[in-house]
Amino acid sequence: MQQRQRRRRQRGQGVSEYALILGLIAVVAIGILTFAGGTIAASLTDTGRAIASGLTSDPPPTPQPTKTKPTPKPTKPPKTPKPTKKPKP
């Protein structure tokens, strides 16, 4: 009989521990949302507006190719004359 009561207490203790952990997580989440809620809401609003404007506007114009100057060909250094061989006497 004592074992049954002990098991019930242990189950009740486990449930209460889970409830305390869940309550702590809820308090932390509420604190974070209170502190950073305005920033998060503004960010989500901006994202929603960007998506909505992208869906309703005309497609962006295609970029025109830019004209580039042709690259000059590299110049070769002038050839140096080869020394002439002197005839042997």
C-alpha atoms as a PDB file:
ATOM      1  CA  MET A   1       0.000   0.000   0.000  1.00  0.00           C
ATOM      2  CA  GLN A   2       2.829   2.353   0.770  1.00  0.00           C
ATOM      3  CA  GLN A   3       4.351   1.642  -2.619  1.00  0.00           C
ATOM      4  CA  ARG A   4       1.184   2.830  -4.390  1.00  0.00           C
ATOM      5  CA  GLN A   5       1.194   6.071  -2.485  1.00  0.00           C
ATOM      6  CA  ARG A   6       4.875   6.548  -3.245  1.00  0.00           C
ATOM      7  CA  ARG A   7       4.273   6.019  -6.995  1.00  0.00           C
ATOM      8  CA  ARG A   8       1.415   8.518  -6.984  1.00  0.00           C
ATOM      9  CA  ARG A   9       3.595  11.098  -5.280  1.00  0.00           C
ATOM     10  CA  GLN A  10       6.389  10.523  -7.784  1.00  0.00           C
ATOM     11  CA  ARG A  11       3.988  10.897 -10.724  1.00  0.00           C
ATOM     12  CA  GLY A  12       2.557  14.043  -9.210  1.00  0.00           C
ATOM     13  CA  GLN A  13       6.039  15.379  -8.655  1.00  0.00           C
ATOM     14  CA  GLY A  14       7.002  14.706 -12.294  1.00  0.00           C
ATOM     15  CA  VAL A  15       3.885  16.451 -13.581  1.00  0.00           C
ATOM     16  CA  SER A  16       4.476  19.455 -11.359  1.00  0.00           C
ATOM     17  CA  GLU A  17       8.089  19.701 -12.548  1.00  0.00           C
ATOM     18  CA  TYR A  18       6.936  19.722 -16.170  1.00  0.00           C
ATOM     19  CA  ALA A  19       4.366  22.385 -15.323  1.00  0.00           C
ATOM     20  CA  LEU A  20       7.048  24.554 -13.694  1.00  0.00           C
ATOM     21  CA  ILE A  21       9.348  24.189 -16.714  1.00  0.00           C
ATOM     22  CA  LEU A  22       6.497  25.019 -19.087  1.00  0.00           C
ATOM     23  CA  GLY A  23       5.603  28.067 -16.985  1.00  0.00           C
ATOM     24  CA  LEU A  24       9.213  29.264 -17.030  1.00  0.00           C
ATOM     25  CA  ILE A  25       9.399  28.881 -20.814  1.00  0.00           C
ATOM     26  CA  ALA A  26       6.153  30.849 -21.167  1.00  0.00           C
ATOM     27  CA  VAL A  27       7.457  33.672 -18.951  1.00  0.00           C
ATOM     28  CA  VAL A  28      10.705  33.880 -20.963  1.00  0.00           C
ATOM     29  CA  ALA A  29       8.822  33.869 -24.291  1.00  0.00           C
ATOM     30  CA  ILE A  30       6.463  36.618 -23.098  1.00  0.00           C
ATOM     31  CA  GLY A  31       9.439  38.666 -21.925  1.00  0.00           C
ATOM     32  CA  ILE A  32      11.218  38.333 -25.270  1.00  0.00           C
ATOM     33  CA  LEU A  33       8.089  39.239 -27.221  1.00  0.00           C
ATOM     34  CA  THR A  34       7.461  42.239 -24.973  1.00  0.00           C
ATOM     35  CA  PHE A  35      11.020  43.458 -25.352  1.00  0.00           C
ATOM     36  CA  ALA A  36      11.494  42.831 -29.102  1.00  0.00           C
ATOM     37  CA  GLY A  37       7.864  42.635 -30.265  1.00  0.00           C
ATOM     38  CA  GLY A  38       7.848  46.047 -31.967  1.00  0.00           C
ATOM     39  CA  THR A  39      10.977  45.248 -33.942  1.00  0.00           C
ATOM     40  CA  ILE A  40       9.644  41.868 -35.011  1.00  0.00           C
ATOM     41  CA  ALA A  41       6.283  43.346 -36.037  1.00  0.00           C
ATOM     42  CA  ALA A  42       7.955  46.106 -38.086  1.00  0.00           C
ATOM     43  CA  SER A  43      10.197  43.578 -39.816  1.00  0.00           C
ATOM     44  CA  LEU A  44       7.278  41.317 -40.702  1.00  0.00           C
ATOM     45  CA  THR A  45       5.247  44.295 -41.935  1.00  0.00           C
ATOM     46  CA  ASP A  46       8.088  45.420 -44.208  1.00  0.00           C
ATOM     47  CA  THR A  47       8.499  41.893 -45.551  1.00  0.00           C
ATOM     48  CA  GLY A  48       4.773  41.594 -46.254  1.00  0.00           C
ATOM     49  CA  ARG A  49       4.706  44.925 -48.069  1.00  0.00           C
ATOM     50  CA  ALA A  50       7.710  43.956 -50.185  1.00  0.00           C
ATOM     51  CA  ILE A  51       6.060  40.699 -51.173  1.00  0.00           C
ATOM     52  CA  ALA A  52       2.751  42.405 -51.926  1.00  0.00           C
ATOM     53  CA  SER A  53       4.365  45.121 -54.043  1.00  0.00           C
ATOM     54  CA  GLY A  54       6.350  42.509 -55.938  1.00  0.00           C
ATOM     55  CA  LEU A  55       3.212  40.610 -56.817  1.00  0.00           C
ATOM     56  CA  THR A  56       1.171  43.576 -58.015  1.00  0.00           C
ATOM     57  CA  SER A  57       3.739  45.641 -59.885  1.00  0.00           C
ATOM     58  CA  ASP A  58       5.003  45.254 -63.430  1.00  0.00           C
ATOM     59  CA  PRO A  59       8.027  43.056 -63.883  1.00  0.00           C
ATOM     60  CA  PRO A  60      11.322  44.904 -63.586  1.00  0.00           C
ATOM     61  CA  PRO A  61      12.854  46.120 -66.843  1.00  0.00           C
ATOM     62  CA  THR A  62      15.483  43.951 -68.390  1.00  0.00           C
ATOM     63  CA  PRO A  63      18.946  45.421 -68.031  1.00  0.00           C
ATOM     64  CA  GLN A  64      20.478  46.790 -71.209  1.00  0.00           C
ATOM     65  CA  PRO A  65      23.955  45.585 -72.096  1.00  0.00           C
ATOM     66  CA  THR A  66      26.591  48.172 -71.403  1.00  0.00           C
ATOM     67  CA  LYS A  67      29.043  49.182 -74.083  1.00  0.00           C
ATOM     68  CA  THR A  68      32.599  48.404 -73.216  1.00  0.00           C
ATOM     69  CA  LYS A  69      35.720  49.595 -74.901  1.00  0.00           C
ATOM     70  CA  PRO A  70      37.663  46.871 -76.654  1.00  0.00           C
ATOM     71  CA  THR A  71      40.814  45.956 -74.877  1.00  0.00           C
ATOM     72  CA  PRO A  72      43.938  46.997 -76.787  1.00  0.00           C
ATOM     73  CA  LYS A  73      46.164  44.260 -78.058  1.00  0.00           C
ATOM     74  CA  PRO A  74      49.419  43.959 -76.214  1.00  0.00           C
ATOM     75  CA  THR A  75      52.338  45.461 -78.093  1.00  0.00           C
ATOM     76  CA  LYS A  76      55.370  43.354 -78.752  1.00  0.00           C
ATOM     77  CA  PRO A  77      58.744  44.721 -77.831  1.00  0.00           C
ATOM     78  CA  PRO A  78      60.877  45.754 -80.851  1.00  0.00           C
ATOM     79  CA  LYS A  79      63.126  43.045 -82.192  1.00  0.00           C
ATOM     80  CA  THR A  80      66.759  43.496 -81.536  1.00  0.00           C
ATOM     81  CA  PRO A  81      69.022  42.755 -84.481  1.00  0.00           C
ATOM     82  CA  LYS A  82      71.003  39.562 -84.227  1.00  0.00           C
ATOM     83  CA  PRO A  83      74.725  40.038 -84.169  1.00  0.00           C
ATOM     84  CA  THR A  84      76.340  39.166 -87.459  1.00  0.00           C
ATOM     85  CA  LYS A  85      79.013  36.574 -87.586  1.00  0.00           C
ATOM     86  CA  LYS A  86      82.403  37.760 -88.636  1.00  0.00           C
ATOM     87  CA  PRO A  87      84.021  35.654 -91.297  1.00  0.00           C
ATOM     88  CA  LYS A  88      86.968  33.660 -90.166  1.00  0.00           C
ATOM     89  CA  PRO A  89      90.264  34.636 -91.870  1.00  0.00           C
END
